[in-house]
């Protein structure tokens, strides 16, 4: 059975967001807490994935001048803002300040890069 592409991409994004939040919470245990419940990370990852699909493109369009002026570095702030919004929407995920959310956004971005690279390599090997 073959999964359709948009659903596969969303499930991958959800997994990456959850994994990134879990890793970031490990690094910043004093600033990010989830009461050591796996369910909180999974639900927060889902909320973050939905925010990345719905709200993040709007944020990127409105902040395009800042993104161009900083040569893309402003995307780090946007990623942090999406994590911060997720923590405000789902209060079981506690992020103490905006800079902790920015760090979590950077970790999620790194995890996203690594997972995407692994999946692309795997897909390329299957085609060959």
N, C-alpha and C. Protein backbone atom coordinates (compact mmCIF):
# COMPACT_ATOMS: atom_id res chain seq x y z
N UNK A 1 0.84 -1.18 0.00
CA UNK A 1 0.00 0.00 0.00
C UNK A 1 0.89 1.25 0.00
N UNK A 2 0.61 2.14 -0.88
CA UNK A 2 1.42 3.34 -1.03
C UNK A 2 0.70 4.55 -0.45
N UNK A 3 1.40 5.25 0.44
CA UNK A 3 0.81 6.42 1.09
C UNK A 3 0.92 7.62 0.14
N UNK A 4 -0.13 8.45 0.11
CA UNK A 4 -0.04 9.61 -0.77
C UNK A 4 0.99 10.61 -0.24
N UNK A 5 1.57 11.34 -1.14
CA UNK A 5 2.72 12.20 -0.85
C UNK A 5 2.44 13.30 0.20
N UNK A 6 1.34 14.08 0.11
CA UNK A 6 1.12 15.13 1.11
C UNK A 6 0.97 14.58 2.53
N UNK A 7 0.28 13.45 2.67
CA UNK A 7 0.12 12.85 3.99
C UNK A 7 1.47 12.37 4.53
N UNK A 8 2.26 11.76 3.68
CA UNK A 8 3.60 11.30 4.06
C UNK A 8 4.46 12.48 4.51
N UNK A 9 4.41 13.58 3.78
CA UNK A 9 5.19 14.77 4.14
C UNK A 9 4.73 15.35 5.47
N UNK A 10 3.42 15.39 5.70
CA UNK A 10 2.91 15.93 6.96
C UNK A 10 3.30 15.04 8.12
N UNK A 11 3.17 13.73 7.96
CA UNK A 11 3.56 12.81 9.04
C UNK A 11 5.05 12.90 9.33
N UNK A 12 5.86 13.09 8.30
CA UNK A 12 7.30 13.28 8.49
C UNK A 12 7.56 14.57 9.24
N UNK A 13 6.86 15.64 8.87
CA UNK A 13 7.01 16.93 9.55
C UNK A 13 6.61 16.81 11.02
N UNK A 14 5.53 16.09 11.29
CA UNK A 14 5.07 15.88 12.64
C UNK A 14 6.13 15.14 13.46
N UNK A 15 6.68 14.08 12.88
CA UNK A 15 7.73 13.31 13.54
C UNK A 15 8.95 14.18 13.82
N UNK A 16 9.36 14.96 12.84
CA UNK A 16 10.54 15.83 12.99
C UNK A 16 10.31 16.89 14.07
N UNK A 17 9.13 17.49 14.07
CA UNK A 17 8.83 18.50 15.09
C UNK A 17 8.84 17.89 16.49
N UNK A 18 8.26 16.72 16.64
CA UNK A 18 8.24 16.05 17.94
C UNK A 18 9.64 15.67 18.38
N UNK A 19 10.41 15.09 17.47
CA UNK A 19 11.78 14.68 17.80
C UNK A 19 12.63 15.90 18.15
N UNK A 20 12.50 16.97 17.39
CA UNK A 20 13.25 18.19 17.66
C UNK A 20 12.89 18.82 18.99
N UNK A 21 11.60 18.84 19.31
CA UNK A 21 11.18 19.37 20.61
C UNK A 21 11.74 18.53 21.76
N UNK A 22 11.72 17.23 21.59
CA UNK A 22 12.23 16.34 22.63
C UNK A 22 13.73 16.55 22.86
N UNK A 23 14.49 16.68 21.76
CA UNK A 23 15.93 16.93 21.86
C UNK A 23 16.20 18.30 22.48
N UNK A 24 15.47 19.32 22.03
CA UNK A 24 15.65 20.66 22.59
C UNK A 24 15.31 20.70 24.07
N UNK A 25 14.27 19.97 24.47
CA UNK A 25 13.91 19.91 25.89
C UNK A 25 15.00 19.22 26.69
N UNK A 26 15.70 18.29 26.07
CA UNK A 26 16.82 17.64 26.75
C UNK A 26 17.97 18.61 26.97
N UNK A 27 18.25 19.43 25.98
CA UNK A 27 19.33 20.41 26.09
C UNK A 27 18.98 21.55 27.06
N UNK A 28 17.74 22.00 26.99
CA UNK A 28 17.30 23.15 27.79
C UNK A 28 16.27 22.72 28.83
N UNK A 29 16.62 21.75 29.64
CA UNK A 29 15.65 21.23 30.60
C UNK A 29 15.18 22.28 31.61
N UNK A 30 15.97 23.34 31.81
CA UNK A 30 15.54 24.39 32.73
C UNK A 30 14.59 25.38 32.07
N UNK A 31 14.56 25.44 30.74
CA UNK A 31 13.72 26.40 30.04
C UNK A 31 12.54 25.77 29.30
N UNK A 32 12.66 24.50 28.98
CA UNK A 32 11.59 23.80 28.25
C UNK A 32 11.21 22.57 29.06
N UNK A 33 9.94 22.47 29.42
CA UNK A 33 9.50 21.29 30.16
C UNK A 33 8.20 20.77 29.57
N UNK A 34 8.03 19.48 29.69
CA UNK A 34 6.83 18.82 29.19
C UNK A 34 6.35 17.77 30.18
N UNK A 35 6.73 17.94 31.44
CA UNK A 35 6.33 17.06 32.53
C UNK A 35 6.71 15.60 32.28
N UNK A 36 7.75 15.38 31.49
CA UNK A 36 8.27 14.04 31.18
C UNK A 36 7.19 13.10 30.64
N UNK A 37 6.26 13.66 29.90
CA UNK A 37 5.21 12.84 29.30
C UNK A 37 5.38 12.85 27.78
N UNK A 38 5.48 11.65 27.24
CA UNK A 38 5.67 11.49 25.80
C UNK A 38 4.49 12.07 25.03
N UNK A 39 3.30 11.94 25.59
CA UNK A 39 2.09 12.43 24.94
C UNK A 39 2.17 13.94 24.69
N UNK A 40 2.74 14.68 25.62
CA UNK A 40 2.86 16.14 25.47
C UNK A 40 3.74 16.47 24.27
N UNK A 41 4.86 15.76 24.13
CA UNK A 41 5.75 16.01 23.00
C UNK A 41 5.06 15.69 21.68
N UNK A 42 4.33 14.59 21.62
CA UNK A 42 3.65 14.20 20.37
C UNK A 42 2.57 15.21 20.00
N UNK A 43 1.77 15.64 20.96
CA UNK A 43 0.71 16.62 20.67
C UNK A 43 1.32 17.98 20.32
N UNK A 44 2.35 18.38 21.05
CA UNK A 44 3.02 19.65 20.73
C UNK A 44 3.65 19.59 19.34
N UNK A 45 4.21 18.44 18.98
CA UNK A 45 4.76 18.27 17.63
C UNK A 45 3.68 18.40 16.57
N UNK A 46 2.50 17.85 16.84
CA UNK A 46 1.38 17.98 15.90
C UNK A 46 0.96 19.44 15.75
N UNK A 47 0.84 20.13 16.87
CA UNK A 47 0.46 21.55 16.83
C UNK A 47 1.50 22.36 16.07
N UNK A 48 2.77 22.08 16.32
CA UNK A 48 3.84 22.79 15.62
C UNK A 48 3.82 22.48 14.13
N UNK A 49 3.55 21.24 13.77
CA UNK A 49 3.48 20.88 12.35
C UNK A 49 2.34 21.62 11.66
N UNK A 50 1.20 21.73 12.33
CA UNK A 50 0.06 22.47 11.75
C UNK A 50 0.40 23.95 11.62
N UNK A 51 1.05 24.51 12.64
CA UNK A 51 1.47 25.92 12.57
C UNK A 51 2.43 26.12 11.39
N UNK A 52 3.35 25.18 11.19
CA UNK A 52 4.30 25.29 10.08
C UNK A 52 3.61 25.21 8.72
N UNK A 53 2.50 24.52 8.64
CA UNK A 53 1.78 24.42 7.38
C UNK A 53 0.89 25.64 7.15
N UNK A 54 0.26 26.15 8.20
CA UNK A 54 -0.76 27.19 8.04
C UNK A 54 -0.20 28.60 8.28
N UNK A 55 0.44 28.81 9.42
CA UNK A 55 0.84 30.16 9.83
C UNK A 55 2.22 30.57 9.32
N UNK A 56 3.16 29.63 9.30
CA UNK A 56 4.53 29.99 8.93
C UNK A 56 4.64 30.60 7.53
N UNK A 57 3.96 30.09 6.51
CA UNK A 57 4.06 30.75 5.19
C UNK A 57 3.62 32.21 5.22
N UNK A 58 2.59 32.52 6.02
CA UNK A 58 2.13 33.90 6.14
C UNK A 58 3.19 34.76 6.81
N UNK A 59 3.80 34.22 7.88
CA UNK A 59 4.88 34.95 8.57
C UNK A 59 6.05 35.21 7.63
N UNK A 60 6.38 34.22 6.82
CA UNK A 60 7.51 34.38 5.88
C UNK A 60 7.21 35.47 4.86
N UNK A 61 6.00 35.48 4.33
CA UNK A 61 5.65 36.50 3.33
C UNK A 61 5.72 37.90 3.93
N UNK A 62 5.16 38.07 5.15
CA UNK A 62 5.17 39.39 5.77
C UNK A 62 6.56 39.84 6.20
N UNK A 63 7.44 38.91 6.50
CA UNK A 63 8.78 39.29 6.94
C UNK A 63 9.83 39.11 5.85
N UNK A 64 9.40 38.99 4.61
CA UNK A 64 10.34 38.81 3.50
C UNK A 64 11.42 39.89 3.43
N UNK A 65 11.11 41.17 3.64
CA UNK A 65 12.18 42.17 3.62
C UNK A 65 13.25 41.89 4.69
N UNK A 66 12.84 41.52 5.88
CA UNK A 66 13.82 41.21 6.94
C UNK A 66 14.63 39.96 6.60
N UNK A 67 13.98 38.99 5.99
CA UNK A 67 14.68 37.77 5.58
C UNK A 67 15.73 38.09 4.53
N UNK A 68 15.37 38.90 3.56
CA UNK A 68 16.32 39.27 2.50
C UNK A 68 17.45 40.13 3.06
N UNK A 69 17.13 41.05 3.93
CA UNK A 69 18.12 41.95 4.51
C UNK A 69 19.15 41.18 5.36
N UNK A 70 18.70 40.15 6.04
CA UNK A 70 19.61 39.37 6.90
C UNK A 70 20.14 38.13 6.20
N UNK A 71 19.89 38.03 4.89
CA UNK A 71 20.34 36.89 4.09
C UNK A 71 19.81 35.56 4.64
N UNK A 72 18.58 35.58 5.10
CA UNK A 72 17.91 34.37 5.56
C UNK A 72 18.01 34.09 7.04
N UNK A 73 18.85 34.82 7.75
CA UNK A 73 19.01 34.54 9.18
C UNK A 73 17.76 34.86 9.99
N UNK A 74 16.91 35.72 9.49
CA UNK A 74 15.67 36.04 10.19
C UNK A 74 14.75 34.83 10.28
N UNK A 75 14.97 33.82 9.44
CA UNK A 75 14.18 32.59 9.51
C UNK A 75 14.36 31.90 10.86
N UNK A 76 15.51 32.10 11.50
CA UNK A 76 15.73 31.53 12.83
C UNK A 76 14.72 32.13 13.81
N UNK A 77 14.49 33.43 13.71
CA UNK A 77 13.51 34.09 14.58
C UNK A 77 12.10 33.59 14.26
N UNK A 78 11.79 33.42 12.99
CA UNK A 78 10.46 32.93 12.61
C UNK A 78 10.24 31.51 13.15
N UNK A 79 11.26 30.66 13.04
CA UNK A 79 11.14 29.30 13.58
C UNK A 79 10.92 29.34 15.09
N UNK A 80 11.64 30.22 15.77
CA UNK A 80 11.44 30.37 17.22
C UNK A 80 10.05 30.87 17.54
N UNK A 81 9.56 31.79 16.72
CA UNK A 81 8.21 32.32 16.94
C UNK A 81 7.16 31.22 16.78
N UNK A 82 7.33 30.34 15.82
CA UNK A 82 6.36 29.25 15.64
C UNK A 82 6.39 28.30 16.84
N UNK A 83 7.57 28.03 17.37
CA UNK A 83 7.67 27.18 18.56
C UNK A 83 7.02 27.88 19.76
N UNK A 84 7.26 29.17 19.88
CA UNK A 84 6.68 29.94 20.99
C UNK A 84 5.16 29.96 20.89
N UNK A 85 4.62 30.13 19.68
CA UNK A 85 3.17 30.10 19.47
C UNK A 85 2.62 28.73 19.87
N UNK A 86 3.31 27.67 19.48
CA UNK A 86 2.86 26.32 19.84
C UNK A 86 2.81 26.14 21.35
N UNK A 87 3.80 26.69 22.05
CA UNK A 87 3.81 26.56 23.51
C UNK A 87 2.68 27.36 24.16
N UNK A 88 2.28 28.46 23.53
CA UNK A 88 1.17 29.25 24.07
C UNK A 88 -0.18 28.58 23.76
N UNK A 89 -0.28 27.92 22.62
CA UNK A 89 -1.52 27.22 22.28
C UNK A 89 -1.71 25.94 23.07
N UNK A 90 -0.60 25.29 23.42
CA UNK A 90 -0.65 24.02 24.16
C UNK A 90 0.16 24.19 25.43
N UNK A 91 -0.53 24.52 26.50
CA UNK A 91 0.16 24.94 27.72
C UNK A 91 0.83 23.80 28.48
N UNK A 92 0.65 22.56 28.07
CA UNK A 92 1.38 21.46 28.70
C UNK A 92 2.85 21.50 28.32
N UNK A 93 3.15 22.17 27.21
CA UNK A 93 4.54 22.41 26.81
C UNK A 93 4.92 23.78 27.36
N UNK A 94 5.83 23.79 28.31
CA UNK A 94 6.21 25.04 28.97
C UNK A 94 7.55 25.51 28.42
N UNK A 95 7.56 26.66 27.78
CA UNK A 95 8.80 27.30 27.33
C UNK A 95 8.88 28.64 28.05
N UNK A 96 9.94 28.82 28.82
CA UNK A 96 10.01 29.97 29.73
C UNK A 96 10.20 31.30 29.03
N UNK A 97 10.95 31.32 27.91
CA UNK A 97 11.18 32.60 27.25
C UNK A 97 11.33 32.41 25.74
N UNK A 98 11.31 33.52 25.05
CA UNK A 98 11.37 33.49 23.59
C UNK A 98 12.69 32.92 23.09
N UNK A 99 13.80 33.20 23.77
CA UNK A 99 15.10 32.73 23.29
C UNK A 99 15.25 31.22 23.42
N UNK A 100 14.60 30.63 24.39
CA UNK A 100 14.57 29.17 24.48
C UNK A 100 13.80 28.60 23.30
N UNK A 101 12.72 29.30 22.90
CA UNK A 101 11.95 28.87 21.73
C UNK A 101 12.78 29.01 20.45
N UNK A 102 13.59 30.06 20.37
CA UNK A 102 14.47 30.24 19.20
C UNK A 102 15.47 29.09 19.14
N UNK A 103 16.06 28.73 20.29
CA UNK A 103 16.99 27.60 20.30
C UNK A 103 16.28 26.31 19.90
N UNK A 104 15.07 26.09 20.41
CA UNK A 104 14.30 24.90 20.04
C UNK A 104 14.03 24.90 18.54
N UNK A 105 13.72 26.06 17.97
CA UNK A 105 13.51 26.16 16.53
C UNK A 105 14.76 25.80 15.74
N UNK A 106 15.92 26.20 16.27
CA UNK A 106 17.18 25.84 15.59
C UNK A 106 17.42 24.33 15.67
N UNK A 107 17.14 23.73 16.80
CA UNK A 107 17.30 22.28 16.94
C UNK A 107 16.34 21.54 16.01
N UNK A 108 15.10 21.99 15.95
CA UNK A 108 14.12 21.37 15.06
C UNK A 108 14.56 21.51 13.61
N UNK A 109 15.10 22.67 13.24
CA UNK A 109 15.61 22.86 11.88
C UNK A 109 16.76 21.92 11.56
N UNK A 110 17.66 21.72 12.51
CA UNK A 110 18.77 20.80 12.31
C UNK A 110 18.28 19.36 12.18
N UNK A 111 17.34 18.97 13.03
CA UNK A 111 16.77 17.63 12.95
C UNK A 111 16.05 17.45 11.62
N UNK A 112 15.32 18.47 11.19
CA UNK A 112 14.64 18.43 9.90
C UNK A 112 15.64 18.21 8.76
N UNK A 113 16.73 18.95 8.80
CA UNK A 113 17.76 18.80 7.77
C UNK A 113 18.32 17.37 7.74
N UNK A 114 18.64 16.83 8.92
CA UNK A 114 19.22 15.49 8.99
C UNK A 114 18.23 14.41 8.53
N UNK A 115 16.98 14.49 8.98
CA UNK A 115 15.98 13.50 8.59
C UNK A 115 15.71 13.58 7.10
N UNK A 116 15.61 14.79 6.57
CA UNK A 116 15.38 14.96 5.13
C UNK A 116 16.55 14.39 4.32
N UNK A 117 17.76 14.63 4.77
CA UNK A 117 18.93 14.10 4.06
C UNK A 117 18.92 12.58 4.07
N UNK A 118 18.58 11.99 5.20
CA UNK A 118 18.53 10.52 5.29
C UNK A 118 17.45 9.96 4.39
N UNK A 119 16.26 10.57 4.43
CA UNK A 119 15.16 10.08 3.60
C UNK A 119 15.45 10.26 2.11
N UNK A 120 16.09 11.37 1.74
CA UNK A 120 16.44 11.59 0.33
C UNK A 120 17.47 10.56 -0.14
N UNK A 121 18.45 10.25 0.71
CA UNK A 121 19.45 9.24 0.36
C UNK A 121 18.81 7.87 0.20
N UNK A 122 17.88 7.55 1.09
CA UNK A 122 17.19 6.26 1.02
C UNK A 122 16.36 6.17 -0.25
N UNK A 123 15.66 7.24 -0.60
CA UNK A 123 14.84 7.26 -1.81
C UNK A 123 15.72 7.16 -3.05
N UNK A 124 16.86 7.80 -3.03
CA UNK A 124 17.78 7.75 -4.16
C UNK A 124 18.33 6.35 -4.35
N UNK A 125 18.64 5.65 -3.26
CA UNK A 125 19.14 4.28 -3.35
C UNK A 125 18.09 3.34 -3.91
N UNK A 126 16.83 3.56 -3.57
CA UNK A 126 15.75 2.71 -4.09
C UNK A 126 15.56 2.90 -5.58
N UNK A 127 15.77 4.14 -6.07
CA UNK A 127 15.63 4.41 -7.50
C UNK A 127 16.76 3.81 -8.32
N UNK A 128 17.92 3.71 -7.71
CA UNK A 128 19.09 3.21 -8.46
C UNK A 128 19.08 1.73 -8.65
